[in-house]
């Protein structure tokens, strides 16, 4: 078991829709990359389906995660090419749960660790035992500066 996991009841649920990515590196041998995204938060990980042969994949895929508080929690998005022998890293980025709660607009998150690429996501946080539902949407081309959160 992951020692970073918090015990006790969840404080809420984060639902993340990964719309797609753009301007990805090409790691495919005979065609464009076969891409998928991993979304991680608090020791939980989910993997999207693979979009075959695309440098601008459109996943339109949703992942749900329990959260145990909002202070300092970050979502990690990492994009990968599914290879025949080994998968190749196409970049990653982070966004905090606090940013999900504070923003009410769309943005594109630039992928870090690579020369280029961005991912477009929507996030919704619902806290249990509260009428407050925080939601924000991240989509290409609308973030001030469009810089990836660290």
C-alpha atoms as a PDB file:
ATOM      1  CA  UNK A   1       0.000   0.000   0.000  1.00  0.00           C
ATOM      2  CA  UNK A   2       1.150   3.535  -0.730  1.00  0.00           C
ATOM      3  CA  UNK A   3       2.200   5.234   2.509  1.00  0.00           C
ATOM      4  CA  UNK A   4       1.085   8.636   1.169  1.00  0.00           C
ATOM      5  CA  UNK A   5      -2.569   7.587   1.079  1.00  0.00           C
ATOM      6  CA  UNK A   6      -4.731   9.242   3.700  1.00  0.00           C
ATOM      7  CA  UNK A   7      -6.962   7.099   5.849  1.00  0.00           C
ATOM      8  CA  UNK A   8     -10.533   7.772   6.867  1.00  0.00           C
ATOM      9  CA  UNK A   9     -13.563   8.916   4.893  1.00  0.00           C
ATOM     10  CA  UNK A  10     -13.143  10.910   1.701  1.00  0.00           C
ATOM     11  CA  UNK A  11     -13.890  14.649   1.897  1.00  0.00           C
ATOM     12  CA  UNK A  12     -15.015  14.791  -1.711  1.00  0.00           C
ATOM     13  CA  UNK A  13     -14.680  13.598  -5.278  1.00  0.00           C
ATOM     14  CA  UNK A  14     -12.744  15.093  -8.166  1.00  0.00           C
ATOM     15  CA  UNK A  15     -14.126  14.292 -11.601  1.00  0.00           C
ATOM     16  CA  UNK A  16     -11.700  15.027 -14.404  1.00  0.00           C
ATOM     17  CA  UNK A  17     -12.603  14.992 -18.089  1.00  0.00           C
ATOM     18  CA  UNK A  18      -9.561  14.759 -20.331  1.00  0.00           C
ATOM     19  CA  UNK A  19     -10.702  16.262 -23.615  1.00  0.00           C
ATOM     20  CA  UNK A  20      -7.488  15.813 -25.550  1.00  0.00           C
ATOM     21  CA  UNK A  21      -3.979  16.977 -26.273  1.00  0.00           C
ATOM     22  CA  UNK A  22      -2.229  18.833 -29.069  1.00  0.00           C
ATOM     23  CA  UNK A  23       1.194  19.375 -30.570  1.00  0.00           C
ATOM     24  CA  UNK A  24       2.552  16.132 -29.089  1.00  0.00           C
ATOM     25  CA  UNK A  25       5.935  14.639 -29.927  1.00  0.00           C
ATOM     26  CA  UNK A  26       5.848  11.798 -32.444  1.00  0.00           C
ATOM     27  CA  UNK A  27       7.230   8.537 -31.051  1.00  0.00           C
ATOM     28  CA  UNK A  28       5.534   6.169 -33.487  1.00  0.00           C
ATOM     29  CA  UNK A  29       7.701   4.146 -35.857  1.00  0.00           C
ATOM     30  CA  UNK A  30       5.368   3.691 -38.817  1.00  0.00           C
ATOM     31  CA  UNK A  31       2.711   6.290 -37.981  1.00  0.00           C
ATOM     32  CA  UNK A  32       1.913   8.979 -35.421  1.00  0.00           C
ATOM     33  CA  UNK A  33       1.962   8.115 -31.715  1.00  0.00           C
ATOM     34  CA  UNK A  34      -0.615   5.850 -30.076  1.00  0.00           C
ATOM     35  CA  UNK A  35      -1.373   8.035 -27.073  1.00  0.00           C
ATOM     36  CA  UNK A  36      -2.916   7.677 -23.644  1.00  0.00           C
ATOM     37  CA  UNK A  37      -2.952   9.795 -20.497  1.00  0.00           C
ATOM     38  CA  UNK A  38      -2.439   8.840 -16.858  1.00  0.00           C
ATOM     39  CA  UNK A  39      -4.202  10.961 -14.252  1.00  0.00           C
ATOM     40  CA  UNK A  40      -2.937  10.687 -10.679  1.00  0.00           C
ATOM     41  CA  UNK A  41      -3.926  12.193  -7.330  1.00  0.00           C
ATOM     42  CA  UNK A  42      -3.138  11.117  -3.759  1.00  0.00           C
ATOM     43  CA  UNK A  43      -1.744   7.722  -4.746  1.00  0.00           C
ATOM     44  CA  UNK A  44      -4.673   6.926  -7.070  1.00  0.00           C
ATOM     45  CA  UNK A  45      -4.079   6.448 -10.795  1.00  0.00           C
ATOM     46  CA  UNK A  46      -6.328   5.962 -13.798  1.00  0.00           C
ATOM     47  CA  UNK A  47      -5.409   5.400 -17.437  1.00  0.00           C
ATOM     48  CA  UNK A  48      -7.359   6.571 -20.475  1.00  0.00           C
ATOM     49  CA  UNK A  49      -8.019   4.458 -23.537  1.00  0.00           C
ATOM     50  CA  UNK A  50      -5.389   4.665 -26.299  1.00  0.00           C
ATOM     51  CA  UNK A  51      -6.037   6.920 -29.279  1.00  0.00           C
ATOM     52  CA  UNK A  52      -4.163   5.322 -32.176  1.00  0.00           C
ATOM     53  CA  UNK A  53      -2.065   7.267 -34.673  1.00  0.00           C
ATOM     54  CA  UNK A  54      -2.645  10.829 -33.462  1.00  0.00           C
ATOM     55  CA  UNK A  55      -0.544  13.778 -32.299  1.00  0.00           C
ATOM     56  CA  UNK A  56      -3.794  15.574 -31.405  1.00  0.00           C
ATOM     57  CA  UNK A  57      -5.736  12.839 -29.589  1.00  0.00           C
ATOM     58  CA  UNK A  58      -9.303  13.482 -28.486  1.00  0.00           C
ATOM     59  CA  UNK A  59      -9.973  11.237 -25.505  1.00  0.00           C
ATOM     60  CA  UNK A  60     -13.171  12.752 -24.064  1.00  0.00           C
ATOM     61  CA  UNK A  61     -12.569  10.451 -21.098  1.00  0.00           C
ATOM     62  CA  UNK A  62     -13.591  10.892 -17.447  1.00  0.00           C
ATOM     63  CA  UNK A  63     -11.760   9.787 -14.289  1.00  0.00           C
ATOM     64  CA  UNK A  64     -13.115  10.049 -10.725  1.00  0.00           C
ATOM     65  CA  UNK A  65     -10.957  10.244  -7.593  1.00  0.00           C
ATOM     66  CA  UNK A  66     -11.683  10.432  -3.865  1.00  0.00           C
ATOM     67  CA  UNK A  67      -9.933  13.318  -2.101  1.00  0.00           C
ATOM     68  CA  UNK A  68      -9.303  13.705   1.598  1.00  0.00           C
ATOM     69  CA  UNK A  69      -8.845  17.488   1.792  1.00  0.00           C
ATOM     70  CA  UNK A  70      -7.901  20.362  -0.482  1.00  0.00           C
ATOM     71  CA  UNK A  71      -4.684  21.733   0.974  1.00  0.00           C
ATOM     72  CA  UNK A  72      -1.685  21.098  -1.262  1.00  0.00           C
ATOM     73  CA  UNK A  73      -3.281  18.325  -3.324  1.00  0.00           C
ATOM     74  CA  UNK A  74      -2.222  18.228  -6.972  1.00  0.00           C
ATOM     75  CA  UNK A  75      -3.474  16.311  -9.964  1.00  0.00           C
ATOM     76  CA  UNK A  76      -0.770  14.976 -12.254  1.00  0.00           C
ATOM     77  CA  UNK A  77      -1.404  14.402 -15.949  1.00  0.00           C
ATOM     78  CA  UNK A  78       1.183  12.433 -17.919  1.00  0.00           C
ATOM     79  CA  UNK A  79       0.868  11.656 -21.616  1.00  0.00           C
ATOM     80  CA  UNK A  80       2.417   8.511 -23.101  1.00  0.00           C
ATOM     81  CA  UNK A  81       2.907   6.753 -26.434  1.00  0.00           C
ATOM     82  CA  UNK A  82       2.004   3.067 -26.194  1.00  0.00           C
ATOM     83  CA  UNK A  83       4.896   1.232 -27.820  1.00  0.00           C
ATOM     84  CA  UNK A  84       5.167  -2.394 -28.852  1.00  0.00           C
ATOM     85  CA  UNK A  85       8.035  -3.041 -26.428  1.00  0.00           C
ATOM     86  CA  UNK A  86       8.146   0.013 -24.182  1.00  0.00           C
ATOM     87  CA  UNK A  87       5.944   3.094 -23.695  1.00  0.00           C
ATOM     88  CA  UNK A  88       7.460   6.548 -24.341  1.00  0.00           C
ATOM     89  CA  UNK A  89       6.955   9.652 -22.207  1.00  0.00           C
ATOM     90  CA  UNK A  90       5.317  12.573 -24.050  1.00  0.00           C
ATOM     91  CA  UNK A  91       5.191  15.032 -21.141  1.00  0.00           C
ATOM     92  CA  UNK A  92       3.421  15.760 -17.878  1.00  0.00           C
ATOM     93  CA  UNK A  93       1.922  18.647 -15.913  1.00  0.00           C
ATOM     94  CA  UNK A  94       0.319  19.391 -12.572  1.00  0.00           C
ATOM     95  CA  UNK A  95      -2.654  21.437 -11.405  1.00  0.00           C
ATOM     96  CA  UNK A  96      -3.654  21.912  -7.776  1.00  0.00           C
ATOM     97  CA  UNK A  97      -7.077  21.125  -6.375  1.00  0.00           C
ATOM     98  CA  UNK A  98      -7.067  24.687  -5.005  1.00  0.00           C
ATOM     99  CA  UNK A  99      -6.736  25.995  -8.570  1.00  0.00           C
ATOM    100  CA  UNK A 100      -9.621  23.770  -9.625  1.00  0.00           C
ATOM    101  CA  UNK A 101     -11.710  25.375  -6.888  1.00  0.00           C
ATOM    102  CA  UNK A 102     -10.588  28.966  -7.494  1.00  0.00           C
ATOM    103  CA  UNK A 103     -10.828  29.181 -11.277  1.00  0.00           C
ATOM    104  CA  UNK A 104     -14.030  29.276 -13.229  1.00  0.00           C
ATOM    105  CA  UNK A 105     -12.631  29.372 -16.742  1.00  0.00           C
ATOM    106  CA  UNK A 106     -10.810  27.210 -19.238  1.00  0.00           C
ATOM    107  CA  UNK A 107      -7.087  26.791 -19.733  1.00  0.00           C
ATOM    108  CA  UNK A 108      -4.549  24.666 -21.511  1.00  0.00           C
ATOM    109  CA  UNK A 109      -1.842  22.992 -19.434  1.00  0.00           C
ATOM    110  CA  UNK A 110       1.548  22.885 -21.142  1.00  0.00           C
ATOM    111  CA  UNK A 111       3.375  19.573 -20.906  1.00  0.00           C
ATOM    112  CA  UNK A 112       6.671  19.722 -19.021  1.00  0.00           C
ATOM    113  CA  UNK A 113       9.781  17.624 -19.656  1.00  0.00           C
ATOM    114  CA  UNK A 114       9.404  17.797 -23.443  1.00  0.00           C
ATOM    115  CA  UNK A 115       9.878  20.420 -26.172  1.00  0.00           C
ATOM    116  CA  UNK A 116       6.182  20.914 -26.898  1.00  0.00           C
ATOM    117  CA  UNK A 117       2.656  19.692 -26.231  1.00  0.00           C
ATOM    118  CA  UNK A 118      -0.400  20.628 -24.182  1.00  0.00           C
ATOM    119  CA  UNK A 119      -3.352  18.854 -22.608  1.00  0.00           C
ATOM    120  CA  UNK A 120      -6.935  20.109 -22.319  1.00  0.00           C
ATOM    121  CA  UNK A 121      -8.988  19.065 -19.288  1.00  0.00           C
ATOM    122  CA  UNK A 122     -12.136  19.873 -17.353  1.00  0.00           C
ATOM    123  CA  UNK A 123     -12.283  19.442 -13.600  1.00  0.00           C
ATOM    124  CA  UNK A 124     -15.096  19.365 -11.081  1.00  0.00           C
ATOM    125  CA  UNK A 125     -14.699  19.017  -7.329  1.00  0.00           C
ATOM    126  CA  UNK A 126     -17.650  18.079  -5.166  1.00  0.00           C
ATOM    127  CA  UNK A 127     -17.146  18.214  -1.407  1.00  0.00           C
ATOM    128  CA  UNK A 128     -19.281  15.899   0.710  1.00  0.00           C
ATOM    129  CA  UNK A 129     -21.551  17.431   3.357  1.00  0.00           C
ATOM    130  CA  UNK A 130     -21.619  20.833   1.674  1.00  0.00           C
ATOM    131  CA  UNK A 131     -23.831  22.694  -0.753  1.00  0.00           C
ATOM    132  CA  UNK A 132     -20.680  24.183  -2.296  1.00  0.00           C
ATOM    133  CA  UNK A 133     -19.619  22.575  -5.551  1.00  0.00           C
ATOM    134  CA  UNK A 134     -16.508  24.041  -7.095  1.00  0.00           C
ATOM    135  CA  UNK A 135     -15.998  23.530 -10.757  1.00  0.00           C
ATOM    136  CA  UNK A 136     -13.698  24.796 -13.422  1.00  0.00           C
ATOM    137  CA  UNK A 137     -12.967  23.822 -16.970  1.00  0.00           C
ATOM    138  CA  UNK A 138      -9.573  23.738 -18.645  1.00  0.00           C
ATOM    139  CA  UNK A 139      -9.594  23.874 -22.417  1.00  0.00           C
ATOM    140  CA  UNK A 140      -7.039  24.848 -25.045  1.00  0.00           C
ATOM    141  CA  UNK A 141      -6.103  28.428 -25.722  1.00  0.00           C
ATOM    142  CA  UNK A 142      -7.853  30.337 -22.955  1.00  0.00           C
ATOM    143  CA  UNK A 143      -5.453  30.369 -20.031  1.00  0.00           C
ATOM    144  CA  UNK A 144      -3.564  33.545 -19.281  1.00  0.00           C
ATOM    145  CA  UNK A 145      -0.014  32.636 -20.247  1.00  0.00           C
ATOM    146  CA  UNK A 146      -1.062  28.992 -20.799  1.00  0.00           C
ATOM    147  CA  UNK A 147       1.749  27.864 -18.506  1.00  0.00           C
ATOM    148  CA  UNK A 148       1.636  24.466 -16.822  1.00  0.00           C
ATOM    149  CA  UNK A 149       1.157  24.576 -13.062  1.00  0.00           C
ATOM    150  CA  UNK A 150       3.945  23.208 -10.943  1.00  0.00           C
END
